[in-house]
Amino acid sequence: MGNKLNLSGIVSESIVDGPGIRLTLFTQGCPHHCKGCHNPETWAFEPRHPGDIDKILNIAVKNPILQGLTFSGGEPFCQAEPLAELAKKAHEHGLNVMSYTGYTFEELLNGFDEHPDWKALLENLDYLVDGPFVLEERSLMLLFRGSKNQRFLDVPESLKQKKAVPVNEDSLYDGTRTRSHI
């Protein structure tokens, strides 16, 4: 797959898909099919809109108000290899990176042998919202999450501790959380 992504769409300046103003990529293809999903058009794995990671990075870097990139879906971990490369390049430009996934953090860790690209993507993320959307646990009161079962995780700390570590939400906007602290 290399440099290419299969995308459903891009939002150039989102304030709801992670901390700060973000460029959000909606990947095409999802195996989860969560009841009540707000992006069911992203489920099919057929090619929709090709995306080149260098062109996407260029768009992000040229926008001085962006704090980061967010990978949404669809299921980003179905395109982990090119997204890991994009995340790595985004960090080189001082942008943080967040992803949503229908997998739990534990499922991703346990899948490293079968999916080494999952490890590469996780190692290049700052934040992760994990777990499937559960309609019966839907809440509009959760920061960046749709249902109560989902967790907003600090990925570097989670990988270090080999367990899911929630983000200290108070640190998101107080200026203390930068890539060097992650």
Protein backbone atom coordinates (compact mmCIF):
# COMPACT_ATOMS: atom_id res chain seq x y z
CA MET A 1 0.00 0.00 0.00
CA GLY A 2 2.91 2.36 0.74
CA ASN A 3 2.02 6.02 0.36
CA LYS A 4 -1.64 5.58 -0.58
CA LEU A 5 -4.77 5.68 1.52
CA ASN A 6 -8.39 4.83 0.75
CA LEU A 7 -10.36 7.72 2.21
CA SER A 8 -14.01 8.52 2.69
CA GLY A 9 -13.26 12.20 3.25
CA ILE A 10 -11.19 14.90 4.92
CA VAL A 11 -12.20 17.72 7.26
CA SER A 12 -9.55 20.42 7.08
CA GLU A 13 -10.31 22.15 10.41
CA SER A 14 -12.19 20.09 12.98
CA ILE A 15 -12.70 21.06 16.62
CA VAL A 16 -14.60 17.90 17.62
CA ASP A 17 -12.15 15.12 16.65
CA GLY A 18 -9.49 15.66 19.30
CA PRO A 19 -7.76 18.45 21.20
CA GLY A 20 -7.34 21.74 19.39
CA ILE A 21 -7.94 22.34 15.70
CA ARG A 22 -7.26 19.22 13.66
CA LEU A 23 -7.12 17.87 10.15
CA THR A 24 -9.33 14.76 10.27
CA LEU A 25 -9.05 11.88 7.83
CA PHE A 26 -12.00 9.52 7.48
CA THR A 27 -10.67 6.18 6.26
CA GLN A 28 -12.76 3.95 4.02
CA GLY A 29 -13.41 0.38 5.18
CA CYS A 30 -14.52 -0.95 8.54
CA PRO A 31 -15.10 -4.51 9.80
CA HIS A 32 -16.96 -3.49 12.99
CA HIS A 33 -20.35 -2.24 11.69
CA CYS A 34 -21.36 -0.74 15.04
CA LYS A 35 -25.10 -0.29 15.53
CA GLY A 36 -25.80 3.46 15.43
CA CYS A 37 -22.51 4.31 13.68
CA HIS A 38 -22.55 7.91 12.44
CA ASN A 39 -20.35 6.98 9.43
CA PRO A 40 -21.92 3.80 7.95
CA GLU A 41 -20.93 4.98 4.46
CA THR A 42 -17.32 4.21 5.47
CA TRP A 43 -17.93 0.49 6.05
CA ALA A 44 -17.34 -0.78 2.49
CA PHE A 45 -13.73 -1.55 1.61
CA GLU A 46 -14.12 -0.62 -2.06
CA PRO A 47 -11.87 2.24 -3.20
CA ARG A 48 -13.53 5.60 -2.75
CA HIS A 49 -11.14 8.56 -2.67
CA PRO A 50 -7.41 7.92 -3.03
CA GLY A 51 -5.20 9.82 -0.63
CA ASP A 52 -1.47 10.42 -0.84
CA ILE A 53 0.20 10.84 2.56
CA ASP A 54 2.69 13.45 1.32
CA LYS A 55 -0.09 15.59 -0.14
CA ILE A 56 -2.12 15.28 3.06
CA LEU A 57 0.90 16.20 5.17
CA ASN A 58 1.52 19.22 2.94
CA ILE A 59 -2.06 20.40 3.51
CA ALA A 60 -1.62 20.05 7.28
CA VAL A 61 1.77 21.75 7.45
CA LYS A 62 0.56 24.72 5.41
CA ASN A 63 -2.21 25.43 7.93
CA PRO A 64 -0.61 27.31 10.85
CA ILE A 65 -3.62 26.91 13.16
CA LEU A 66 -3.62 23.09 13.20
CA GLN A 67 -2.44 21.31 16.34
CA GLY A 68 -2.72 17.82 14.94
CA LEU A 69 -4.17 15.12 12.76
CA THR A 70 -6.95 12.70 13.61
CA PHE A 71 -7.57 9.35 11.94
CA SER A 72 -11.22 8.35 12.02
CA GLY A 73 -13.27 5.98 10.00
CA GLY A 74 -14.04 3.57 8.89
CA GLU A 75 -11.36 1.70 10.83
CA PRO A 76 -7.94 3.38 10.67
CA PHE A 77 -6.13 0.22 11.78
CA CYS A 78 -7.20 -1.41 8.50
CA GLN A 79 -4.77 1.05 6.86
CA ALA A 80 -2.20 1.09 9.64
CA GLU A 81 0.94 1.03 7.49
CA PRO A 82 0.41 4.28 5.54
CA LEU A 83 -1.18 5.99 8.55
CA ALA A 84 1.88 5.11 10.68
CA GLU A 85 4.07 6.76 8.05
CA LEU A 86 1.84 9.84 7.94
CA ALA A 87 1.83 10.07 11.75
CA LYS A 88 5.61 9.82 11.89
CA LYS A 89 5.96 12.63 9.34
CA ALA A 90 3.36 14.74 11.18
CA HIS A 91 5.41 14.48 14.38
CA GLU A 92 8.47 15.73 12.49
CA HIS A 93 6.46 18.92 11.87
CA GLY A 94 5.35 19.30 15.51
CA LEU A 95 1.80 18.00 15.03
CA ASN A 96 0.26 15.51 17.44
CA VAL A 97 -1.70 12.54 16.16
CA MET A 98 -4.87 10.90 17.40
CA SER A 99 -6.82 7.91 16.12
CA TYR A 100 -10.17 6.31 16.71
CA THR A 101 -10.54 2.54 16.56
CA GLY A 102 -13.27 -0.01 17.11
CA TYR A 103 -10.64 -2.32 18.61
CA THR A 104 -9.70 -2.10 22.27
CA PHE A 105 -6.14 -1.20 23.21
CA GLU A 106 -5.72 -4.75 24.52
CA GLU A 107 -6.91 -6.26 21.21
CA LEU A 108 -4.40 -4.12 19.35
CA LEU A 109 -1.55 -5.20 21.65
CA ASN A 110 -2.51 -8.85 21.27
CA GLY A 111 -2.62 -8.46 17.47
CA PHE A 112 0.98 -7.27 17.02
CA ASP A 113 2.26 -10.67 15.83
CA GLU A 114 -0.41 -11.00 13.16
CA HIS A 115 -0.49 -7.24 12.35
CA PRO A 116 2.96 -5.66 12.89
CA ASP A 117 1.65 -2.50 11.21
CA TRP A 118 -0.73 -2.03 14.18
CA LYS A 119 2.31 -1.69 16.43
CA ALA A 120 3.89 0.83 14.06
CA LEU A 121 0.73 2.94 14.06
CA LEU A 122 0.30 2.79 17.84
CA GLU A 123 3.93 3.80 18.35
CA ASN A 124 3.26 6.93 16.28
CA LEU A 125 0.06 8.01 18.03
CA ASP A 126 -0.31 10.42 20.93
CA TYR A 127 -3.97 9.75 21.64
CA LEU A 128 -6.37 6.88 20.99
CA VAL A 129 -10.10 6.52 21.47
CA ASP A 130 -10.59 2.77 21.62
CA GLY A 131 -13.50 0.38 21.57
CA PRO A 132 -16.57 0.03 19.41
CA PHE A 133 -19.39 2.56 19.55
CA VAL A 134 -22.19 1.06 21.67
CA LEU A 135 -25.52 2.75 20.98
CA GLU A 136 -26.96 1.78 24.37
CA GLU A 137 -24.04 3.58 26.07
CA ARG A 138 -24.17 6.70 23.89
CA SER A 139 -23.46 9.97 25.69
CA LEU A 140 -23.04 13.53 24.49
CA MET A 141 -21.15 14.40 27.69
CA LEU A 142 -17.93 12.53 26.87
CA LEU A 143 -14.85 14.30 25.57
CA PHE A 144 -14.12 13.07 22.01
CA ARG A 145 -16.02 9.81 22.57
CA GLY A 146 -19.46 8.63 21.55
CA SER A 147 -20.21 5.93 24.12
CA LYS A 148 -19.27 5.26 27.75
CA ASN A 149 -17.35 2.05 26.97
CA GLN A 150 -14.83 3.96 24.85
CA ARG A 151 -11.62 5.24 26.43
CA PHE A 152 -9.53 8.30 25.61
CA LEU A 153 -5.98 7.00 26.03
CA ASP A 154 -2.47 8.40 26.34
CA VAL A 155 -0.78 6.07 23.86
CA PRO A 156 2.92 6.57 24.76
CA GLU A 157 2.17 6.02 28.44
CA SER A 158 -0.10 3.06 27.65
CA LEU A 159 2.64 1.40 25.58
CA LYS A 160 5.20 2.10 28.30
CA GLN A 161 3.01 0.56 31.01
CA LYS A 162 1.58 -2.15 28.67
CA LYS A 163 -1.91 -1.25 29.85
CA ALA A 164 -4.54 1.32 28.91
CA VAL A 165 -3.75 4.66 30.55
CA PRO A 166 -6.42 7.39 30.24
CA VAL A 167 -5.45 10.88 29.14
CA ASN A 168 -5.34 13.46 31.92
CA GLU A 169 -7.98 15.64 30.30
CA ASP A 170 -7.01 18.65 32.44
CA SER A 171 -3.60 18.73 30.75
CA LEU A 172 -5.01 18.96 27.22
CA TYR A 173 -5.54 22.70 27.21
CA ASP A 174 -3.25 23.99 29.97
CA GLY A 175 -0.20 24.13 27.72
CA THR A 176 1.76 21.42 29.54
CA ARG A 177 1.06 18.61 27.09
CA THR A 178 3.42 18.73 24.13
CA ARG A 179 5.05 16.01 22.05
CA SER A 180 8.13 16.17 24.29
CA HIS A 181 5.94 15.26 27.28
CA ILE A 182 4.36 12.33 25.48
